[in-house]
Structure formats: C-alpha cells, structure tokens
C-alpha cells in the first residue's frame, strides 16, 4: 500500500500498490480496435500527424542501421526512440481522452499533456533502455550457436533460430506486459511509473487469452508496417495507440487515484 499526501502535509486513504483490473473476454481487443478506428476517423489530422512522426523515426532508425550497421549506433537510435516514442504515444492517448471528454482535439494540448508527465516518461524510458541493453547483450551471446563451418543450412541454423526466437520472445513479453496499460494510466491518473507498470503487468497476467490476442494484433500491425516500407505505420501506429487507450479504460479501474487537473475541467471521470 502507498499513501497519498495532500498539499497541507496530511494523508488520505492509503492507495493499493496496483490498480485492480477487470476480467476480459478474448475478443475484447477487437472491440478496442473498432473504438480506436472511430477515434482516428473523428480526429484524422491530429492522429495521422503523430503517425507520420513515428513512421519517420522508424525509417531513420532502419536506414541508418542498414547503412552503418554498428551495434552502438543501433542502440543509440533505438534508445532515443524509447524516449521519444512514449511522448508521442501519450499524445495519441490525449486525443482519445479529449474526444472522450467531448472536446475538439488540439495538437498543442496533446503536447502539454505529454510534457506534464515527462518525469515518469523518462523513468519508464530508462526501464525500457535497460531491457534493450540486456536484450542486445543476450543477442550477441547467442552467436555461439551460429554455425561457423561451411555454408549454413536450414538444419544447422535451427538451434540458433530456435534459441534466438525463444530469448527474444521472453524480452518482448516483458516489454509488452510493462507497457500494455502503464502509459495510459500515467496520463489519466496521478500514478507514478512504478505503480503504473505493476498495474499493467498484473492486468496482463490476469487476462492472458485476451492479451495474447492483443499481442498478435500488434505483431500483425508491425509486420504490415514493415512490409509496406513503414508507410502503413502512418495509420497503424495511431490506431494501435487509440485502441490501447480504450483497452486501458475497459481493463483498469484506477478510480482510487486522483485525476489530473486539466484546463476547463475539474476532475476527469473514470471511463467504463
């Protein structure tokens, strides 16, 4: 349990270590996609602008890594993306929040929302950076399984590909569980990064079938994005962002945490 402090130094009702989650049906992520698409259609200019920014960042990382191919460069670019990406993702969540509140989405408001949470975003980005560095180190060590005699065949490559895929899946699962609902919660409520991450991991573990479907949708979107030379990311990335917001609203009950005070509104209500 954690305790919420007031401005006068008093304390209020102790808060749980993590927000409770609701049970999800396996088809829930499909509903999130439909709701996310509705948000994108209602605010196409704002949503696609952020999709374009993320797509250009993805292209820069891919091109520079291909041209220079050094691990240090890739880590630097990917780490930078880890810090910039969440800020842009928060902007997409902010668009959904503004639509939910009956407002006309404004790009400037999205940026202010992101800046308001910059401290927790940096902490979250630091956690992702550590995971990335460990992941890169593990990938380097996996080269001991790569055949070094003669021309590699599919049979000789199977141990390398199998072990590499298994290790990659473990790290991907860690990042997925930590980020599934944490950033929307930080945007919506006055919850620190640790509480938001623990809440996200707990919700993922308690809704494995639904979250497996959600992970498959995200992987499919990434594959389509790469297959189209990053072009599809302009639409797919904001779509996934909007859908993530609706997934958070449906899954996490964060009503115990105070809402952020925003312009023109006293307290944001917890959506269903």
Protein backbone atom coordinates (compact mmCIF):
# COMPACT_ATOMS: atom_id res chain seq x y z
CA UNK A 1 0.00 0.00 0.00
CA UNK A 2 1.10 3.57 -0.71
CA UNK A 3 -0.29 6.71 0.91
CA UNK A 4 -1.41 9.80 -0.96
CA UNK A 5 -0.10 13.06 0.54
CA UNK A 6 -2.06 16.30 0.35
CA UNK A 7 -0.66 19.80 -0.16
CA UNK A 8 -1.05 20.52 3.59
CA UNK A 9 1.08 17.58 4.61
CA UNK A 10 -1.90 15.46 5.63
CA UNK A 11 -2.51 11.98 4.35
CA UNK A 12 -5.59 10.48 2.80
CA UNK A 13 -6.77 6.91 2.33
CA UNK A 14 -3.84 4.58 1.56
CA UNK A 15 -3.66 3.56 -2.08
CA UNK A 16 -3.10 -0.04 -3.19
CA UNK A 17 0.23 -0.94 -4.76
CA UNK A 18 -1.52 -1.59 -8.06
CA UNK A 19 -4.89 -0.67 -9.53
CA UNK A 20 -7.37 -3.56 -9.82
CA UNK A 21 -8.24 -4.91 -13.24
CA UNK A 22 -11.40 -6.27 -14.80
CA UNK A 23 -11.74 -9.68 -16.44
CA UNK A 24 -11.61 -9.53 -20.25
CA UNK A 25 -13.05 -11.80 -22.90
CA UNK A 26 -10.63 -13.00 -25.60
CA UNK A 27 -12.48 -10.86 -28.15
CA UNK A 28 -12.01 -7.61 -26.17
CA UNK A 29 -9.01 -6.40 -28.26
CA UNK A 30 -11.18 -6.49 -31.40
CA UNK A 31 -13.55 -4.06 -29.70
CA UNK A 32 -10.61 -1.82 -28.80
CA UNK A 33 -9.58 -1.71 -32.46
CA UNK A 34 -13.11 -0.69 -33.50
CA UNK A 35 -13.17 2.08 -30.89
CA UNK A 36 -9.65 3.16 -31.86
CA UNK A 37 -10.66 3.38 -35.51
CA UNK A 38 -13.65 5.53 -34.53
CA UNK A 39 -11.28 7.93 -32.72
CA UNK A 40 -8.95 8.07 -35.72
CA UNK A 41 -11.87 8.88 -38.04
CA UNK A 42 -13.09 11.63 -35.68
CA UNK A 43 -9.62 13.23 -35.45
CA UNK A 44 -7.76 12.20 -38.62
CA UNK A 45 -5.46 15.23 -38.91
CA UNK A 46 -4.19 15.02 -35.34
CA UNK A 47 -3.87 11.23 -35.31
CA UNK A 48 -2.16 10.90 -38.68
CA UNK A 49 0.27 13.72 -37.81
CA UNK A 50 1.62 11.68 -34.91
CA UNK A 51 1.57 8.53 -37.02
CA UNK A 52 3.74 10.32 -39.57
CA UNK A 53 6.22 11.42 -36.89
CA UNK A 54 6.62 7.87 -35.56
CA UNK A 55 6.91 6.48 -39.09
CA UNK A 56 9.70 8.91 -39.95
CA UNK A 57 11.54 7.96 -36.75
CA UNK A 58 11.21 4.29 -37.69
CA UNK A 59 12.55 4.97 -41.18
CA UNK A 60 15.53 6.90 -39.78
CA UNK A 61 16.45 4.05 -37.43
CA UNK A 62 16.12 1.45 -40.20
CA UNK A 63 18.10 3.42 -42.80
CA UNK A 64 20.95 4.44 -40.52
CA UNK A 65 21.26 0.94 -39.07
CA UNK A 66 21.34 -0.51 -42.60
CA UNK A 67 23.95 1.97 -43.85
CA UNK A 68 26.32 1.80 -40.90
CA UNK A 69 25.31 -1.43 -39.22
CA UNK A 70 27.05 -0.83 -35.90
CA UNK A 71 25.55 -2.08 -32.66
CA UNK A 72 26.43 1.16 -30.88
CA UNK A 73 24.55 3.23 -33.47
CA UNK A 74 21.52 0.95 -33.35
CA UNK A 75 21.41 1.09 -29.55
CA UNK A 76 21.72 4.87 -29.59
CA UNK A 77 18.93 5.32 -32.11
CA UNK A 78 16.68 2.72 -30.52
CA UNK A 79 17.26 4.19 -27.07
CA UNK A 80 16.35 7.63 -28.37
CA UNK A 81 13.20 6.16 -29.88
CA UNK A 82 12.39 4.63 -26.48
CA UNK A 83 12.37 8.13 -25.02
CA UNK A 84 10.64 9.96 -27.88
CA UNK A 85 8.14 7.19 -28.73
CA UNK A 86 6.29 7.23 -25.39
CA UNK A 87 5.90 11.01 -25.57
CA UNK A 88 4.26 10.69 -28.99
CA UNK A 89 2.15 7.77 -27.76
CA UNK A 90 0.89 9.92 -24.88
CA UNK A 91 -0.21 12.47 -27.46
CA UNK A 92 -2.35 9.82 -29.17
CA UNK A 93 -3.87 8.83 -25.83
CA UNK A 94 -4.55 12.51 -25.18
CA UNK A 95 -6.51 12.73 -28.42
CA UNK A 96 -8.72 9.86 -27.28
CA UNK A 97 -9.11 11.48 -23.86
CA UNK A 98 -10.16 14.78 -25.44
CA UNK A 99 -12.71 13.04 -27.67
CA UNK A 100 -14.00 11.14 -24.66
CA UNK A 101 -14.41 14.43 -22.77
CA UNK A 102 -16.38 15.93 -25.65
CA UNK A 103 -13.59 18.26 -26.74
CA UNK A 104 -12.20 19.04 -30.16
CA UNK A 105 -8.66 17.54 -30.11
CA UNK A 106 -5.87 20.13 -30.23
CA UNK A 107 -2.25 19.31 -31.05
CA UNK A 108 -0.94 21.87 -28.55
CA UNK A 109 -3.00 20.33 -25.77
CA UNK A 110 -1.54 16.91 -26.60
CA UNK A 111 1.99 18.28 -26.29
CA UNK A 112 1.20 19.88 -22.93
CA UNK A 113 -0.24 16.59 -21.72
CA UNK A 114 2.99 14.83 -22.69
CA UNK A 115 5.21 17.47 -21.05
CA UNK A 116 3.20 17.26 -17.82
CA UNK A 117 4.26 13.62 -17.48
CA UNK A 118 7.85 13.97 -18.69
CA UNK A 119 9.40 12.79 -15.39
CA UNK A 120 7.51 9.50 -15.34
CA UNK A 121 8.04 9.08 -19.08
CA UNK A 122 11.82 9.40 -18.61
CA UNK A 123 11.74 6.83 -15.81
CA UNK A 124 9.71 4.49 -17.98
CA UNK A 125 12.07 5.07 -20.91
CA UNK A 126 15.04 4.29 -18.66
CA UNK A 127 13.49 0.94 -17.73
CA UNK A 128 12.95 0.14 -21.41
CA UNK A 129 16.54 1.18 -22.18
CA UNK A 130 17.90 -1.23 -19.57
CA UNK A 131 15.79 -4.04 -21.02
CA UNK A 132 17.03 -3.13 -24.51
CA UNK A 133 20.68 -3.22 -23.43
CA UNK A 134 20.27 -6.61 -21.74
CA UNK A 135 18.41 -7.84 -24.81
CA UNK A 136 21.24 -6.67 -27.11
CA UNK A 137 23.82 -8.37 -24.89
CA UNK A 138 21.85 -11.61 -24.93
CA UNK A 139 21.56 -11.42 -28.72
CA UNK A 140 25.34 -11.05 -29.00
CA UNK A 141 25.93 -14.11 -26.82
CA UNK A 142 23.55 -16.16 -28.97
CA UNK A 143 26.07 -16.05 -31.82
CA UNK A 144 27.84 -19.01 -30.19
CA UNK A 145 25.02 -21.12 -31.65
CA UNK A 146 25.59 -19.83 -35.19
CA UNK A 147 27.30 -22.47 -37.36
CA UNK A 148 30.82 -21.36 -38.31
CA UNK A 149 31.87 -24.20 -40.59
CA UNK A 150 30.99 -24.30 -44.27
CA UNK A 151 27.80 -22.89 -45.76
CA UNK A 152 24.98 -22.75 -43.18
CA UNK A 153 21.95 -24.91 -43.93
CA UNK A 154 18.45 -24.73 -42.50
CA UNK A 155 19.19 -27.77 -40.36
CA UNK A 156 22.36 -26.24 -38.92
CA UNK A 157 20.59 -22.92 -38.33
CA UNK A 158 17.69 -24.43 -36.37
CA UNK A 159 19.37 -24.26 -32.91
CA UNK A 160 20.41 -20.64 -33.49
CA UNK A 161 16.99 -19.57 -34.77
CA UNK A 162 15.07 -21.55 -32.14
CA UNK A 163 17.04 -20.30 -29.14
CA UNK A 164 17.19 -16.76 -30.51
CA UNK A 165 13.42 -16.68 -31.03
CA UNK A 166 12.79 -18.03 -27.53
CA UNK A 167 15.05 -15.43 -25.90
CA UNK A 168 13.54 -12.64 -27.99
CA UNK A 169 10.04 -13.78 -27.03
CA UNK A 170 10.92 -13.54 -23.33
CA UNK A 171 12.19 -9.96 -23.63
CA UNK A 172 9.25 -8.99 -25.86
CA UNK A 173 6.82 -10.38 -23.28
CA UNK A 174 8.49 -8.33 -20.53
CA UNK A 175 8.24 -5.09 -22.51
CA UNK A 176 4.67 -5.88 -23.60
CA UNK A 177 3.47 -6.61 -20.06
CA UNK A 178 5.12 -3.49 -18.65
CA UNK A 179 3.80 -1.12 -21.32
CA UNK A 180 0.35 -2.52 -22.14
CA UNK A 181 -1.58 -0.15 -19.82
CA UNK A 182 1.05 1.83 -17.90
CA UNK A 183 1.35 4.93 -20.09
CA UNK A 184 -2.43 5.49 -20.42
CA UNK A 185 -2.72 5.21 -16.63
CA UNK A 186 0.01 7.82 -16.11
CA UNK A 187 -1.80 10.15 -18.50
CA UNK A 188 -5.17 9.61 -16.84
CA UNK A 189 -4.27 9.49 -13.14
CA UNK A 190 -1.67 10.82 -10.71
CA UNK A 191 0.08 7.46 -10.52
CA UNK A 192 3.87 7.06 -10.57
CA UNK A 193 5.64 4.95 -13.17
CA UNK A 194 6.26 2.01 -10.80
CA UNK A 195 2.59 1.77 -9.83
CA UNK A 196 1.51 2.02 -13.47
CA UNK A 197 3.95 -0.70 -14.59
CA UNK A 198 2.95 -3.07 -11.76
CA UNK A 199 -0.71 -2.44 -12.62
CA UNK A 200 -0.05 -3.22 -16.27
CA UNK A 201 1.84 -6.45 -15.55
CA UNK A 202 -0.87 -7.60 -13.14
CA UNK A 203 -3.62 -6.94 -15.72
CA UNK A 204 -1.74 -8.81 -18.44
CA UNK A 205 -1.12 -11.84 -16.22
CA UNK A 206 -4.78 -11.97 -15.17
CA UNK A 207 -6.09 -11.73 -18.74
CA UNK A 208 -3.72 -13.96 -20.69
CA UNK A 209 -6.11 -15.06 -23.51
CA UNK A 210 -7.23 -11.51 -24.29
CA UNK A 211 -3.70 -10.12 -24.06
CA UNK A 212 -2.39 -12.87 -26.32
CA UNK A 213 -4.92 -11.76 -28.95
CA UNK A 214 -3.84 -8.14 -28.40
CA UNK A 215 -0.17 -9.06 -28.78
CA UNK A 216 -0.93 -10.92 -32.03
CA UNK A 217 -2.76 -7.85 -33.38
CA UNK A 218 0.22 -5.64 -32.56
CA UNK A 219 2.67 -8.08 -34.17
CA UNK A 220 0.48 -8.25 -37.28
CA UNK A 221 0.41 -4.43 -37.45
CA UNK A 222 4.21 -4.29 -37.17
CA UNK A 223 4.63 -6.89 -39.94
CA UNK A 224 2.25 -4.99 -42.22
CA UNK A 225 4.14 -1.79 -41.46
CA UNK A 226 7.49 -3.31 -42.40
CA UNK A 227 6.00 -4.99 -45.49
CA UNK A 228 4.86 -1.58 -46.76
CA UNK A 229 8.18 0.13 -46.13
CA UNK A 230 6.91 1.83 -42.96
CA UNK A 231 4.13 3.58 -44.92
CA UNK A 232 1.28 1.72 -43.18
CA UNK A 233 2.65 2.86 -39.81
CA UNK A 234 1.19 6.31 -40.51
CA UNK A 235 -2.26 4.79 -39.91
CA UNK A 236 -1.48 1.69 -37.86
CA UNK A 237 0.54 3.34 -35.08
CA UNK A 238 -2.11 5.90 -34.09
CA UNK A 239 -4.78 3.21 -34.49
CA UNK A 240 -2.95 0.98 -32.01
CA UNK A 241 -2.47 3.98 -29.72
CA UNK A 242 -6.17 4.85 -29.69
CA UNK A 243 -7.09 1.21 -29.18
CA UNK A 244 -4.64 1.00 -26.26
CA UNK A 245 -6.42 3.89 -24.57
CA UNK A 246 -9.77 2.12 -24.86
CA UNK A 247 -8.15 -1.09 -23.64
CA UNK A 248 -6.93 0.75 -20.55
CA UNK A 249 -10.37 2.25 -19.93
CA UNK A 250 -12.04 -1.16 -20.17
CA UNK A 251 -9.41 -3.08 -18.18
CA UNK A 252 -8.05 -0.89 -15.38
CA UNK A 253 -10.06 0.59 -12.51
CA UNK A 254 -7.84 3.49 -11.46
CA UNK A 255 -10.59 5.46 -9.73
CA UNK A 256 -8.70 5.33 -6.40
CA UNK A 257 -6.02 7.64 -7.83
CA UNK A 258 -6.78 11.35 -8.27
CA UNK A 259 -7.23 12.58 -11.82
CA UNK A 260 -5.00 15.25 -13.33
CA UNK A 261 -6.39 18.78 -13.25
CA UNK A 262 -6.78 19.87 -16.86
CA UNK A 263 -7.81 23.13 -18.44
CA UNK A 264 -11.55 23.61 -18.38
CA UNK A 265 -12.26 20.57 -16.25
CA UNK A 266 -12.14 19.96 -12.54
CA UNK A 267 -11.79 16.20 -12.41
CA UNK A 268 -11.72 13.65 -15.19
CA UNK A 269 -14.02 10.75 -14.64
CA UNK A 270 -13.03 7.17 -14.94
CA UNK A 271 -14.47 5.74 -18.14
CA UNK A 272 -16.04 2.35 -18.45
